[in-house]
Each structure stands twice: as structure tokens, then as C-alpha cells.
Amino acid sequence: MTTRWGIAATGGMAAAFATDLALVPDAELAFVGSRTPERAAEFAGRFSATGSGTYRELLAADLDVVYIATPHPQHHALALAAIEAGVPVLVEKAFTATLAGAREVVDAARAAGLFCMEAMWTRFQPAVVRAKELIDAGEIGEPLLVQADFGAERVYDPSSRLFDLSLGGGSVLDLGVYPISLAQHVLGRPDRVTITGTTYPNGADRSAAIHLAHDDGRAAALVCTLAAQTPGRAVVVGTEGSVELVPPFHHAQRLVVRRSGGDPEELELPATGTGYSHQAVEVQRCLAEGLTESPTMPLDDTLDVQWVLAECLDQLGIEIGEGTVEV
């Protein structure tokens, strides 16, 4: 059975997703929506979508699910509009700009009985899936620590989405969400968050060192920055070994498993396409089975991650609100 997809937005993330969607069996890009119909039409032509138009026309189209790829503060309004229209949603990460906004979307989806998932694509890549399986099976004992970094060198431009606070700019929401989500995936929600960071002249966060502490002593040490390229390494340390997601961890193709007293084991686990296809496969599986949440990326996990993000921004003194979208 073919799954009819809609995409909201026409930027880089939308293009990356559309490219990989073409690799997913039984997936059809049926409609592209944008604030600017001309851009939607151009995007639709580029990726062979059946239709295009405004966001209102997108949500009125005959679709099975909509992928929301706008800047973070616009996710909230579009997701709520889609849910109100009865359309399941895959919402790009960070899920929303605020914890309150995330809770509102989650509550609306659950009340409507509609499928909703955060597009944390890394959780569905073969290397990350295998790493989690090994950890859950006790291959490295009890997981104690997570170390991860994600940095990209970007020239400061206050007019760019990456640095514009009104569009959810800054390193925490754009890059920090990856290591935070990985730590949550392995260790669960922390009890305390401590962050130290630097900011740009407009107040957007440039770099952050994040410590996630659990009352039982488990912890995560995470780094994100827009000021420099970092290795992109992630390691989960357990009582009997470790698992390393070989850089870049958010798009890992290889694992190194180190067990106490043994030689390192390397596993090659390439992704299909750029790696976005795997989350689309999961969405289609959930829809076919009548699930309203993904067992791999459940909404409670999303809310845990959003809580950490909110704590980080609050401690840095950064205020980002939800935006408005004409639907």
C-alpha cells in the first residue's frame, strides 16, 4: 500500500528528506506546501511531487502523513494545524522551540489518536539501532556514561536562520539536540542539567558544554558549537566495556565495540541514502500497524529531550518563543 507524503517547507532539510524518500518502498511525495506557492511548485517539480500550494492547501490534500521541515519555531503551529485537520505528522527536530509548545502538540496528537513523531533520524540508522541493541543486551554491562560532541564551523551571520533567534537559531537547538537525544536514548531523562556556553552579539548561543546528571551517578558530557568543526564522536561507557559511534555519530556507518578483556570489534552498518530514509520507513510501518507513536522515538522521549533543551536555554538566558504560520 502506497503512503502519500506531504512536505511542509522547501529548504535544505525538506530537500534532503525528499531525496531519500525516493528510496523508500511504497512512498509517494504527493504534495509540497510553502508560504510561497511558487517555491512549492519549483520544489514539487524538482522532486516529482504530484501537487503543490500553500500550507492550507497542503493540509487539505489527500495525504497519509505530513513531514514538517520549517524552522523550529514554526513546527508548533503547523503540527497543531495538521492534527486539527486529521493528518499524522513527522516533525523535524528540534520538535518545537519550547517545552510548553511540545507538550501542546503531544497532547493534541494523543487526544486525536493521530500518529506523531519527532524526526530524530539518527535513531533509525542501522549503526545506532545496532548500538542500542548491544547496550540493551548487556554487551557492555550497565551503561554509566555518554560522551558526544557535534560542532560545525559556520560564519556568523545574524540574518541567517542558524543565528536568528526568531527562527530558533543557535547551537543548542540546531546541533545540541543530537547528543542530548542520544544521551536520553541510552540513559533516559536526567535529574539535573548544567550548561556553560558562549553567545554571539545578537544573543544566540555559539557554544555549549552540557552536563546531564542522574541521581544514581550516571551522567552525560556533551558539547555543541557553531564556531568550529568537532570530531563528532559519541561513546557509551558501561561497566564492562564501551560502544563508539565512529564519527560523525549523527550519521554513523561504523561501530567499535570494546568489551573488557577482549579485542575491539568493528561493525560496518551503512545507511540507505543519506540516512533519512530509515525514519520514513518507521513512519510507514507505524501507520500500517495503526500505531500512534513510534516505539523507537516515543513522544515521552521527545518531551524529555525538550525539557533538557529548555533547561539549557534558560540557564544561558536565551528566550525563544513559538512562531506563527498562516495556515
Foldseek 3Di string as FASTA:
>chain_A
DAFEEEEEDQDDVSLQLLVLQVVAPRYADAEYAYCDQVSRVVSCVVSVHNYYYHLVVRLVDPGAEYEYDAQQLALLASLLVNLVSVHEYAYEFVNHLALVSLVVSVVSLVVSLAAYFYLLLLLQAQVNVVQLVCQVVCVQHDWFEKEWEFEAADDDDCVDLQNPLQRVHAWCRPPVLNSLLSCCLRPNFAPDKDKDFDHDPVLGTAKIWIWGHHPVRGIYTYIYGRRHGDQCKMWTHHPFWIKIQGPVNSQGQKIWTGGHPDDIDMDGGHAPRSRSNRVVNQVVVCVVVSHRAGPSGGSVSSSSSSVNSNVHCVVSVHDHHRDDDDD
